[in-house]
C-alpha atoms as a PDB file:
ATOM      1  CA  UNK A   1      -0.026   0.003   0.011  1.00  0.00           C
ATOM      2  CA  UNK A   2       2.842   2.402   0.886  1.00  0.00           C
ATOM      3  CA  UNK A   3       4.584   1.515  -2.373  1.00  0.00           C
ATOM      4  CA  UNK A   4       1.441   2.318  -4.390  1.00  0.00           C
ATOM      5  CA  UNK A   5       1.114   5.718  -2.612  1.00  0.00           C
ATOM      6  CA  UNK A   6       4.626   6.658  -3.307  1.00  0.00           C
ATOM      7  CA  UNK A   7       4.197   5.585  -7.027  1.00  0.00           C
ATOM      8  CA  UNK A   8       1.070   7.817  -7.271  1.00  0.00           C
ATOM      9  CA  UNK A   9       2.932  10.749  -5.586  1.00  0.00           C
ATOM     10  CA  UNK A  10       5.598  10.566  -8.334  1.00  0.00           C
ATOM     11  CA  UNK A  11       2.992  10.208 -11.145  1.00  0.00           C
ATOM     12  CA  UNK A  12       3.793   6.529 -11.743  1.00  0.00           C
ATOM     13  CA  UNK A  13       0.293   5.072 -11.101  1.00  0.00           C
ATOM     14  CA  UNK A  14       0.231   2.107 -13.559  1.00  0.00           C
ATOM     15  CA  UNK A  15      -3.556   2.407 -13.848  1.00  0.00           C
ATOM     16  CA  UNK A  16      -3.337   5.909 -15.371  1.00  0.00           C
ATOM     17  CA  UNK A  17      -1.319   7.170 -18.328  1.00  0.00           C
ATOM     18  CA  UNK A  18       1.392   9.699 -17.651  1.00  0.00           C
ATOM     19  CA  UNK A  19       3.744  11.350 -20.126  1.00  0.00           C
ATOM     20  CA  UNK A  20       6.688   9.928 -18.071  1.00  0.00           C
ATOM     21  CA  UNK A  21       5.590   6.498 -19.338  1.00  0.00           C
ATOM     22  CA  UNK A  22       6.195   7.366 -22.970  1.00  0.00           C
ATOM     23  CA  UNK A  23       9.747   6.144 -22.879  1.00  0.00           C
ATOM     24  CA  UNK A  24       8.584   2.746 -21.719  1.00  0.00           C
ATOM     25  CA  UNK A  25       6.088   2.504 -24.523  1.00  0.00           C
ATOM     26  CA  UNK A  26       8.765   3.542 -27.053  1.00  0.00           C
ATOM     27  CA  UNK A  27      10.782   0.527 -26.001  1.00  0.00           C
ATOM     28  CA  UNK A  28       8.071  -2.031 -25.482  1.00  0.00           C
ATOM     29  CA  UNK A  29       5.724  -1.381 -28.426  1.00  0.00           C
ATOM     30  CA  UNK A  30       8.408  -2.237 -31.186  1.00  0.00           C
ATOM     31  CA  UNK A  31       9.253  -5.351 -29.229  1.00  0.00           C
ATOM     32  CA  UNK A  32       5.710  -6.402 -28.865  1.00  0.00           C
ATOM     33  CA  UNK A  33       5.059  -5.788 -32.542  1.00  0.00           C
ATOM     34  CA  UNK A  34       8.044  -7.949 -33.528  1.00  0.00           C
ATOM     35  CA  UNK A  35       6.862 -10.763 -31.213  1.00  0.00           C
ATOM     36  CA  UNK A  36       3.345 -10.580 -32.667  1.00  0.00           C
ATOM     37  CA  UNK A  37       4.428 -11.045 -36.265  1.00  0.00           C
ATOM     38  CA  UNK A  38       4.614 -14.882 -36.205  1.00  0.00           C
ATOM     39  CA  UNK A  39       1.120 -14.981 -34.655  1.00  0.00           C
ATOM     40  CA  UNK A  40      -0.323 -12.686 -37.337  1.00  0.00           C
ATOM     41  CA  UNK A  41       1.397 -14.659 -40.080  1.00  0.00           C
ATOM     42  CA  UNK A  42      -0.292 -17.859 -38.946  1.00  0.00           C
ATOM     43  CA  UNK A  43      -3.648 -16.129 -38.820  1.00  0.00           C
ATOM     44  CA  UNK A  44      -3.384 -14.488 -42.226  1.00  0.00           C
ATOM     45  CA  UNK A  45      -1.892 -17.624 -43.768  1.00  0.00           C
ATOM     46  CA  UNK A  46      -4.939 -19.592 -42.859  1.00  0.00           C
ATOM     47  CA  UNK A  47      -7.305 -17.160 -44.691  1.00  0.00           C
ATOM     48  CA  UNK A  48      -5.236 -16.759 -47.837  1.00  0.00           C
ATOM     49  CA  UNK A  49      -6.586 -18.061 -51.126  1.00  0.00           C
ATOM     50  CA  UNK A  50      -4.520 -20.743 -52.769  1.00  0.00           C
ATOM     51  CA  UNK A  51      -2.931 -18.368 -55.399  1.00  0.00           C
ATOM     52  CA  UNK A  52      -1.637 -16.166 -52.499  1.00  0.00           C
ATOM     53  CA  UNK A  53      -0.188 -19.124 -50.675  1.00  0.00           C
ATOM     54  CA  UNK A  54       2.098 -19.847 -53.639  1.00  0.00           C
ATOM     55  CA  UNK A  55       3.219 -16.177 -54.264  1.00  0.00           C
ATOM     56  CA  UNK A  56       7.024 -15.583 -54.114  1.00  0.00           C
ATOM     57  CA  UNK A  57       8.145 -13.685 -52.221  1.00  0.00           C
ATOM     58  CA  UNK A  58       5.453 -14.595 -49.703  1.00  0.00           C
ATOM     59  CA  UNK A  59       3.022 -11.908 -48.720  1.00  0.00           C
ATOM     60  CA  UNK A  60       2.552 -11.269 -45.013  1.00  0.00           C
ATOM     61  CA  UNK A  61      -1.016  -9.913 -45.173  1.00  0.00           C
ATOM     62  CA  UNK A  62      -3.674 -11.417 -47.360  1.00  0.00           C
ATOM     63  CA  UNK A  63      -5.539  -9.057 -49.686  1.00  0.00           C
ATOM     64  CA  UNK A  64      -8.421 -11.437 -50.304  1.00  0.00           C
ATOM     65  CA  UNK A  65      -9.365 -13.417 -47.155  1.00  0.00           C
ATOM     66  CA  UNK A  66     -11.331 -16.456 -47.609  1.00  0.00           C
ATOM     67  CA  UNK A  67     -12.737 -19.452 -45.709  1.00  0.00           C
ATOM     68  CA  UNK A  68     -12.097 -21.821 -48.563  1.00  0.00           C
ATOM     69  CA  UNK A  69      -9.134 -23.505 -46.645  1.00  0.00           C
ATOM     70  CA  UNK A  70     -11.387 -24.423 -43.832  1.00  0.00           C
ATOM     71  CA  UNK A  71     -14.061 -25.749 -46.190  1.00  0.00           C
ATOM     72  CA  UNK A  72     -11.365 -27.819 -47.823  1.00  0.00           C
ATOM     73  CA  UNK A  73     -10.202 -29.034 -44.475  1.00  0.00           C
ATOM     74  CA  UNK A  74     -13.673 -30.209 -43.669  1.00  0.00           C
ATOM     75  CA  UNK A  75     -14.269 -31.892 -47.046  1.00  0.00           C
ATOM     76  CA  UNK A  76     -10.870 -33.594 -46.874  1.00  0.00           C
ATOM     77  CA  UNK A  77     -11.814 -34.980 -43.490  1.00  0.00           C
ATOM     78  CA  UNK A  78     -15.215 -36.166 -44.745  1.00  0.00           C
ATOM     79  CA  UNK A  79     -13.577 -38.189 -47.489  1.00  0.00           C
ATOM     80  CA  UNK A  80     -11.522 -40.274 -45.022  1.00  0.00           C
ATOM     81  CA  UNK A  81     -12.544 -43.250 -42.879  1.00  0.00           C
ATOM     82  CA  UNK A  82     -11.794 -41.342 -39.717  1.00  0.00           C
ATOM     83  CA  UNK A  83     -13.124 -37.711 -39.740  1.00  0.00           C
ATOM     84  CA  UNK A  84     -11.125 -34.810 -38.432  1.00  0.00           C
ATOM     85  CA  UNK A  85     -13.638 -34.323 -35.609  1.00  0.00           C
ATOM     86  CA  UNK A  86     -12.594 -37.679 -34.167  1.00  0.00           C
ATOM     87  CA  UNK A  87      -8.970 -36.721 -34.039  1.00  0.00           C
ATOM     88  CA  UNK A  88      -9.882 -33.390 -32.522  1.00  0.00           C
ATOM     89  CA  UNK A  89     -12.060 -35.020 -29.893  1.00  0.00           C
ATOM     90  CA  UNK A  90      -9.237 -37.381 -28.933  1.00  0.00           C
ATOM     91  CA  UNK A  91      -6.865 -34.448 -28.415  1.00  0.00           C
ATOM     92  CA  UNK A  92      -9.405 -32.432 -26.355  1.00  0.00           C
ATOM     93  CA  UNK A  93     -10.254 -35.348 -24.201  1.00  0.00           C
ATOM     94  CA  UNK A  94      -6.682 -36.550 -23.526  1.00  0.00           C
ATOM     95  CA  UNK A  95      -5.466 -32.981 -22.998  1.00  0.00           C
ATOM     96  CA  UNK A  96      -8.184 -32.188 -20.360  1.00  0.00           C
ATOM     97  CA  UNK A  97      -7.415 -35.373 -18.477  1.00  0.00           C
ATOM     98  CA  UNK A  98      -3.656 -34.748 -18.542  1.00  0.00           C
ATOM     99  CA  UNK A  99      -4.063 -31.202 -17.342  1.00  0.00           C
ATOM    100  CA  UNK A 100      -6.339 -32.239 -14.380  1.00  0.00           C
ATOM    101  CA  UNK A 101      -4.331 -35.314 -13.422  1.00  0.00           C
ATOM    102  CA  UNK A 102      -1.037 -33.412 -13.745  1.00  0.00           C
ATOM    103  CA  UNK A 103      -2.165 -30.607 -11.445  1.00  0.00           C
ATOM    104  CA  UNK A 104      -3.497 -33.107  -8.856  1.00  0.00           C
ATOM    105  CA  UNK A 105      -0.292 -35.184  -8.882  1.00  0.00           C
ATOM    106  CA  UNK A 106       1.991 -32.198  -8.957  1.00  0.00           C
ATOM    107  CA  UNK A 107       0.481 -30.249  -6.027  1.00  0.00           C
ATOM    108  CA  UNK A 108       0.182 -33.435  -3.945  1.00  0.00           C
ATOM    109  CA  UNK A 109       3.880 -34.493  -4.572  1.00  0.00           C
ATOM    110  CA  UNK A 110       5.133 -30.954  -4.133  1.00  0.00           C
ATOM    111  CA  UNK A 111       3.408 -30.613  -0.780  1.00  0.00           C
ATOM    112  CA  UNK A 112       4.854 -33.971   0.370  1.00  0.00           C
ATOM    113  CA  UNK A 113       8.416 -32.919  -0.762  1.00  0.00           C
ATOM    114  CA  UNK A 114       8.086 -29.466   0.891  1.00  0.00           C
ATOM    115  CA  UNK A 115       6.246 -29.814   4.172  1.00  0.00           C
ATOM    116  CA  UNK A 116       6.262 -33.507   5.126  1.00  0.00           C
ATOM    117  CA  UNK A 117       9.167 -35.145   6.949  1.00  0.00           C
ATOM    118  CA  UNK A 118      10.123 -38.742   6.021  1.00  0.00           C
ATOM    119  CA  UNK A 119      13.133 -40.857   5.021  1.00  0.00           C
ATOM    120  CA  UNK A 120      14.590 -40.386   1.485  1.00  0.00           C
ATOM    121  CA  UNK A 121      12.770 -37.078   1.015  1.00  0.00           C
ATOM    122  CA  UNK A 122      15.891 -35.327  -0.315  1.00  0.00           C
ATOM    123  CA  UNK A 123      16.709 -38.325  -2.538  1.00  0.00           C
ATOM    124  CA  UNK A 124      13.381 -38.161  -4.245  1.00  0.00           C
ATOM    125  CA  UNK A 125      13.845 -34.436  -4.803  1.00  0.00           C
ATOM    126  CA  UNK A 126      17.309 -35.000  -6.218  1.00  0.00           C
ATOM    127  CA  UNK A 127      15.876 -37.609  -8.633  1.00  0.00           C
ATOM    128  CA  UNK A 128      13.324 -35.079  -9.911  1.00  0.00           C
ATOM    129  CA  UNK A 129      16.142 -32.475 -10.371  1.00  0.00           C
ATOM    130  CA  UNK A 130      18.142 -35.002 -12.342  1.00  0.00           C
ATOM    131  CA  UNK A 131      15.153 -35.644 -14.528  1.00  0.00           C
ATOM    132  CA  UNK A 132      15.224 -31.984 -15.559  1.00  0.00           C
ATOM    133  CA  UNK A 133      18.460 -32.743 -17.579  1.00  0.00           C
ATOM    134  CA  UNK A 134      16.953 -35.285 -19.854  1.00  0.00           C
ATOM    135  CA  UNK A 135      15.277 -34.227 -23.162  1.00  0.00           C
ATOM    136  CA  UNK A 136      12.320 -36.281 -24.242  1.00  0.00           C
ATOM    137  CA  UNK A 137      14.214 -38.052 -27.066  1.00  0.00           C
ATOM    138  CA  UNK A 138      16.830 -39.328 -24.543  1.00  0.00           C
ATOM    139  CA  UNK A 139      14.100 -41.299 -22.618  1.00  0.00           C
ATOM    140  CA  UNK A 140      11.947 -42.377 -25.601  1.00  0.00           C
ATOM    141  CA  UNK A 141      13.180 -45.999 -25.438  1.00  0.00           C
ATOM    142  CA  UNK A 142      12.752 -46.428 -21.623  1.00  0.00           C
ATOM    143  CA  UNK A 143       9.320 -44.715 -21.928  1.00  0.00           C
ATOM    144  CA  UNK A 144       8.307 -47.164 -24.601  1.00  0.00           C
ATOM    145  CA  UNK A 145       9.313 -50.068 -22.437  1.00  0.00           C
ATOM    146  CA  UNK A 146       7.243 -48.764 -19.532  1.00  0.00           C
ATOM    147  CA  UNK A 147       4.211 -48.161 -21.780  1.00  0.00           C
ATOM    148  CA  UNK A 148       4.641 -51.709 -23.319  1.00  0.00           C
ATOM    149  CA  UNK A 149       5.113 -53.224 -19.775  1.00  0.00           C
ATOM    150  CA  UNK A 150       1.918 -51.508 -18.469  1.00  0.00           C
ATOM    151  CA  UNK A 151      -0.081 -52.994 -21.501  1.00  0.00           C
ATOM    152  CA  UNK A 152      -0.963 -49.521 -22.921  1.00  0.00           C
ATOM    153  CA  UNK A 153      -0.026 -50.249 -26.524  1.00  0.00           C
ATOM    154  CA  UNK A 154      -3.010 -49.330 -28.756  1.00  0.00           C
ATOM    155  CA  UNK A 155      -4.785 -47.900 -25.637  1.00  0.00           C
ATOM    156  CA  UNK A 156      -6.263 -44.353 -25.231  1.00  0.00           C
ATOM    157  CA  UNK A 157      -4.344 -44.185 -21.971  1.00  0.00           C
ATOM    158  CA  UNK A 158      -1.106 -44.055 -23.975  1.00  0.00           C
ATOM    159  CA  UNK A 159      -1.981 -40.440 -24.592  1.00  0.00           C
ATOM    160  CA  UNK A 160      -2.233 -39.767 -20.885  1.00  0.00           C
ATOM    161  CA  UNK A 161       0.062 -41.859 -18.681  1.00  0.00           C
ATOM    162  CA  UNK A 162       3.474 -40.914 -20.191  1.00  0.00           C
ATOM    163  CA  UNK A 163       2.646 -37.222 -19.773  1.00  0.00           C
ATOM    164  CA  UNK A 164       1.504 -37.136 -16.178  1.00  0.00           C
ATOM    165  CA  UNK A 165       4.990 -36.498 -14.694  1.00  0.00           C
ATOM    166  CA  UNK A 166       6.400 -32.959 -15.401  1.00  0.00           C
ATOM    167  CA  UNK A 167       9.678 -32.594 -13.384  1.00  0.00           C
ATOM    168  CA  UNK A 168       9.900 -28.767 -14.010  1.00  0.00           C
ATOM    169  CA  UNK A 169       6.305 -28.372 -12.761  1.00  0.00           C
ATOM    170  CA  UNK A 170       7.075 -30.407  -9.570  1.00  0.00           C
ATOM    171  CA  UNK A 171      10.222 -28.307  -8.914  1.00  0.00           C
ATOM    172  CA  UNK A 172       8.384 -24.937  -9.515  1.00  0.00           C
ATOM    173  CA  UNK A 173       5.379 -25.763  -7.322  1.00  0.00           C
ATOM    174  CA  UNK A 174       7.636 -27.142  -4.540  1.00  0.00           C
ATOM    175  CA  UNK A 175       9.567 -23.772  -4.562  1.00  0.00           C
ATOM    176  CA  UNK A 176       6.352 -21.965  -4.037  1.00  0.00           C
ATOM    177  CA  UNK A 177       5.138 -24.222  -1.207  1.00  0.00           C
ATOM    178  CA  UNK A 178       8.542 -23.753   0.485  1.00  0.00           C
ATOM    179  CA  UNK A 179       7.577 -20.068   1.013  1.00  0.00           C
ATOM    180  CA  UNK A 180       4.445 -20.934   2.997  1.00  0.00           C
ATOM    181  CA  UNK A 181       5.171 -20.531   6.714  1.00  0.00           C
ATOM    182  CA  UNK A 182       5.310 -23.830   8.588  1.00  0.00           C
ATOM    183  CA  UNK A 183       3.525 -22.112  11.486  1.00  0.00           C
ATOM    184  CA  UNK A 184       0.427 -21.526   9.364  1.00  0.00           C
ATOM    185  CA  UNK A 185       0.186 -25.160   8.376  1.00  0.00           C
ATOM    186  CA  UNK A 186       0.977 -26.317  11.997  1.00  0.00           C
ATOM    187  CA  UNK A 187      -1.773 -24.020  13.338  1.00  0.00           C
ATOM    188  CA  UNK A 188      -4.246 -25.591  10.955  1.00  0.00           C
ATOM    189  CA  UNK A 189      -3.275 -29.165  11.922  1.00  0.00           C
ATOM    190  CA  UNK A 190      -3.600 -28.225  15.587  1.00  0.00           C
ATOM    191  CA  UNK A 191      -7.148 -27.116  14.845  1.00  0.00           C
ATOM    192  CA  UNK A 192      -7.835 -30.571  13.495  1.00  0.00           C
ATOM    193  CA  UNK A 193      -7.377 -30.041   9.812  1.00  0.00           C
ATOM    194  CA  UNK A 194      -6.211 -33.111   7.856  1.00  0.00           C
ATOM    195  CA  UNK A 195      -3.430 -33.048   5.279  1.00  0.00           C
ATOM    196  CA  UNK A 196      -6.092 -33.007   2.454  1.00  0.00           C
ATOM    197  CA  UNK A 197      -7.831 -29.937   4.044  1.00  0.00           C
ATOM    198  CA  UNK A 198      -4.550 -28.156   4.611  1.00  0.00           C
ATOM    199  CA  UNK A 199      -3.623 -28.849   0.990  1.00  0.00           C
ATOM    200  CA  UNK A 200      -6.835 -27.646  -0.661  1.00  0.00           C
ATOM    201  CA  UNK A 201      -7.773 -24.863   1.732  1.00  0.00           C
ATOM    202  CA  UNK A 202      -4.406 -23.305   2.554  1.00  0.00           C
ATOM    203  CA  UNK A 203      -1.673 -24.542   0.040  1.00  0.00           C
ATOM    204  CA  UNK A 204      -3.542 -24.472  -3.214  1.00  0.00           C
ATOM    205  CA  UNK A 205      -4.955 -20.890  -2.881  1.00  0.00           C
ATOM    206  CA  UNK A 206      -1.510 -19.565  -2.226  1.00  0.00           C
ATOM    207  CA  UNK A 207       0.151 -21.165  -5.253  1.00  0.00           C
ATOM    208  CA  UNK A 208      -2.262 -20.428  -7.957  1.00  0.00           C
ATOM    209  CA  UNK A 209       0.330 -18.707 -10.189  1.00  0.00           C
ATOM    210  CA  UNK A 210       2.610 -21.725 -10.126  1.00  0.00           C
ATOM    211  CA  UNK A 211      -0.340 -23.991 -10.839  1.00  0.00           C
ATOM    212  CA  UNK A 212      -1.318 -21.837 -13.865  1.00  0.00           C
ATOM    213  CA  UNK A 213       2.172 -22.318 -15.259  1.00  0.00           C
ATOM    214  CA  UNK A 214       2.000 -26.003 -14.744  1.00  0.00           C
ATOM    215  CA  UNK A 215      -1.425 -26.073 -16.496  1.00  0.00           C
ATOM    216  CA  UNK A 216       0.087 -24.280 -19.519  1.00  0.00           C
ATOM    217  CA  UNK A 217       3.083 -26.768 -19.605  1.00  0.00           C
ATOM    218  CA  UNK A 218       0.677 -29.813 -19.303  1.00  0.00           C
ATOM    219  CA  UNK A 219      -1.539 -28.463 -22.011  1.00  0.00           C
ATOM    220  CA  UNK A 220       1.243 -27.805 -24.477  1.00  0.00           C
ATOM    221  CA  UNK A 221       2.832 -31.259 -23.704  1.00  0.00           C
ATOM    222  CA  UNK A 222      -0.382 -33.102 -24.425  1.00  0.00           C
ATOM    223  CA  UNK A 223      -1.966 -30.974 -27.132  1.00  0.00           C
ATOM    224  CA  UNK A 224       1.224 -30.934 -29.243  1.00  0.00           C
ATOM    225  CA  UNK A 225       2.301 -34.529 -28.517  1.00  0.00           C
ATOM    226  CA  UNK A 226       2.990 -36.863 -31.363  1.00  0.00           C
ATOM    227  CA  UNK A 227       4.833 -39.622 -29.449  1.00  0.00           C
ATOM    228  CA  UNK A 228       1.785 -41.646 -28.498  1.00  0.00           C
ATOM    229  CA  UNK A 229       0.203 -41.646 -31.985  1.00  0.00           C
ATOM    230  CA  UNK A 230       3.498 -42.435 -33.691  1.00  0.00           C
ATOM    231  CA  UNK A 231       5.044 -45.032 -31.286  1.00  0.00           C
ATOM    232  CA  UNK A 232       2.261 -46.548 -29.099  1.00  0.00           C
ATOM    233  CA  UNK A 233      -0.965 -46.554 -31.188  1.00  0.00           C
ATOM    234  CA  UNK A 234      -1.810 -48.303 -34.369  1.00  0.00           C
ATOM    235  CA  UNK A 235      -5.547 -47.735 -34.190  1.00  0.00           C
ATOM    236  CA  UNK A 236      -6.316 -44.711 -36.339  1.00  0.00           C
ATOM    237  CA  UNK A 237      -9.544 -44.012 -34.370  1.00  0.00           C
ATOM    238  CA  UNK A 238      -7.634 -43.087 -31.195  1.00  0.00           C
ATOM    239  CA  UNK A 239      -4.888 -41.024 -32.676  1.00  0.00           C
ATOM    240  CA  UNK A 240      -4.514 -37.298 -31.922  1.00  0.00           C
ATOM    241  CA  UNK A 241      -5.197 -34.129 -33.917  1.00  0.00           C
ATOM    242  CA  UNK A 242      -1.452 -33.374 -33.972  1.00  0.00           C
ATOM    243  CA  UNK A 243      -0.900 -36.560 -35.755  1.00  0.00           C
ATOM    244  CA  UNK A 244      -3.585 -35.708 -38.276  1.00  0.00           C
ATOM    245  CA  UNK A 245      -1.736 -32.424 -38.794  1.00  0.00           C
ATOM    246  CA  UNK A 246       1.493 -34.373 -39.655  1.00  0.00           C
ATOM    247  CA  UNK A 247      -0.404 -36.350 -42.338  1.00  0.00           C
ATOM    248  CA  UNK A 248      -1.473 -33.167 -44.026  1.00  0.00           C
ATOM    249  CA  UNK A 249       2.000 -31.717 -43.864  1.00  0.00           C
ATOM    250  CA  UNK A 250       3.569 -35.020 -45.135  1.00  0.00           C
ATOM    251  CA  UNK A 251       1.165 -35.064 -48.123  1.00  0.00           C
ATOM    252  CA  UNK A 252       1.964 -31.387 -48.997  1.00  0.00           C
ATOM    253  CA  UNK A 253       5.741 -31.897 -48.725  1.00  0.00           C
ATOM    254  CA  UNK A 254       5.712 -35.010 -50.853  1.00  0.00           C
ATOM    255  CA  UNK A 255       3.754 -33.027 -53.535  1.00  0.00           C
ATOM    256  CA  UNK A 256       6.260 -30.163 -53.329  1.00  0.00           C
ATOM    257  CA  UNK A 257       9.253 -32.541 -53.649  1.00  0.00           C
ATOM    258  CA  UNK A 258       7.778 -34.294 -56.645  1.00  0.00           C
ATOM    259  CA  UNK A 259       6.939 -31.061 -58.381  1.00  0.00           C
ATOM    260  CA  UNK A 260       3.187 -31.840 -58.545  1.00  0.00           C
ATOM    261  CA  UNK A 261       1.866 -28.484 -57.282  1.00  0.00           C
ATOM    262  CA  UNK A 262      -1.581 -28.708 -58.867  1.00  0.00           C
ATOM    263  CA  UNK A 263      -5.035 -29.920 -58.009  1.00  0.00           C
ATOM    264  CA  UNK A 264      -5.247 -31.693 -54.626  1.00  0.00           C
ATOM    265  CA  UNK A 265      -1.573 -30.775 -53.814  1.00  0.00           C
ATOM    266  CA  UNK A 266      -2.283 -27.090 -53.948  1.00  0.00           C
ATOM    267  CA  UNK A 267      -5.520 -27.564 -51.914  1.00  0.00           C
ATOM    268  CA  UNK A 268      -3.465 -29.468 -49.419  1.00  0.00           C
ATOM    269  CA  UNK A 269      -1.302 -26.330 -48.691  1.00  0.00           C
ATOM    270  CA  UNK A 270      -4.458 -24.396 -47.803  1.00  0.00           C
ATOM    271  CA  UNK A 271      -5.761 -27.223 -45.657  1.00  0.00           C
ATOM    272  CA  UNK A 272      -2.430 -27.360 -43.798  1.00  0.00           C
ATOM    273  CA  UNK A 273      -2.576 -23.616 -43.130  1.00  0.00           C
ATOM    274  CA  UNK A 274      -6.099 -23.912 -41.706  1.00  0.00           C
ATOM    275  CA  UNK A 275      -5.221 -26.873 -39.604  1.00  0.00           C
ATOM    276  CA  UNK A 276      -2.138 -25.086 -38.213  1.00  0.00           C
ATOM    277  CA  UNK A 277      -4.346 -22.173 -37.079  1.00  0.00           C
ATOM    278  CA  UNK A 278      -6.734 -24.600 -35.391  1.00  0.00           C
ATOM    279  CA  UNK A 279      -3.796 -26.239 -33.638  1.00  0.00           C
ATOM    280  CA  UNK A 280      -2.300 -22.933 -32.532  1.00  0.00           C
ATOM    281  CA  UNK A 281      -5.311 -21.109 -31.260  1.00  0.00           C
ATOM    282  CA  UNK A 282      -5.921 -23.160 -28.031  1.00  0.00           C
ATOM    283  CA  UNK A 283      -2.364 -22.521 -26.970  1.00  0.00           C
ATOM    284  CA  UNK A 284      -2.610 -18.793 -27.607  1.00  0.00           C
ATOM    285  CA  UNK A 285      -6.054 -18.512 -25.865  1.00  0.00           C
ATOM    286  CA  UNK A 286      -4.797 -20.444 -22.785  1.00  0.00           C
ATOM    287  CA  UNK A 287      -1.755 -18.311 -22.465  1.00  0.00           C
ATOM    288  CA  UNK A 288      -3.710 -15.051 -22.849  1.00  0.00           C
ATOM    289  CA  UNK A 289      -6.078 -16.126 -20.083  1.00  0.00           C
ATOM    290  CA  UNK A 290      -3.268 -17.179 -17.655  1.00  0.00           C
ATOM    291  CA  UNK A 291      -0.455 -14.891 -18.656  1.00  0.00           C
ATOM    292  CA  UNK A 292      -0.837 -12.572 -15.625  1.00  0.00           C
ATOM    293  CA  UNK A 293      -0.435 -15.509 -13.229  1.00  0.00           C
ATOM    294  CA  UNK A 294       2.463 -16.842 -15.314  1.00  0.00           C
ATOM    295  CA  UNK A 295       4.278 -13.549 -14.980  1.00  0.00           C
ATOM    296  CA  UNK A 296       3.890 -13.834 -11.207  1.00  0.00           C
ATOM    297  CA  UNK A 297       5.460 -17.251 -11.420  1.00  0.00           C
ATOM    298  CA  UNK A 298       8.297 -16.123 -13.440  1.00  0.00           C
ATOM    299  CA  UNK A 299       9.056 -13.361 -10.898  1.00  0.00           C
ATOM    300  CA  UNK A 300       8.875 -15.986  -8.184  1.00  0.00           C
ATOM    301  CA  UNK A 301       6.453 -13.931  -6.219  1.00  0.00           C
ATOM    302  CA  UNK A 302       5.147 -16.674  -3.830  1.00  0.00           C
ATOM    303  CA  UNK A 303       3.163 -15.335  -0.774  1.00  0.00           C
ATOM    304  CA  UNK A 304       2.628 -11.608  -0.411  1.00  0.00           C
END
């Protein structure tokens, strides 16, 4: 409160525009415009007619926006045995389950690593820290062996189980819980609160920024995942929308390499542009909704 009053006294109230803020806008607006260019290109590309998609040098902004690419995407899907809506449903369902289960597992594990006392506690945390060093490709073979051993080959659970553990999410949430005073938790337990009640009534409300970041990480890991559809699943009906996207891209690339840029090959470029926008929009929307909390996480704010 005192800090806000001092800021207002010097004309630095962030809720009001002041001419002293112009220098900040002069720095930030060009950077923001540069960062927005790839997003705008994806949006404009999806609405370009086919002739503009093939123009060289490429045009950034379309002069004749059209919905033909989305109509072609729908018609292409209708011609296949498995419609696009099925792939989309699989991705939405698996992503929702992964997000919910990841948040539940992460917050419970972080609470145990932060506030509970038991043997090998530091060892478990050290294992999680070591897991941060491995890129997904490095553990693809062991992960396949685990999935095979669990009997999840050609199962919808293959989209979910391998993505439930996010080491960086566990590390981040634990650091936030570490900042909660032990006295507050001890007082709740003295009053008769169980660990579950302490977790959901005291811990979770104070670590919302960290959980928002974990939700974004879990969403991106599941929504963009190709591993399950490529390695663990042969049944086309339970593959993901990201896999369907790769089939469109592969068809377009084969046509370009063979020089057959006509007919269905050209239409495939427009279909791919429309599908890319559909794939990208959920990531953008989720980040816009949660970006304020993510910024709090990045500044490591914890409890105020």
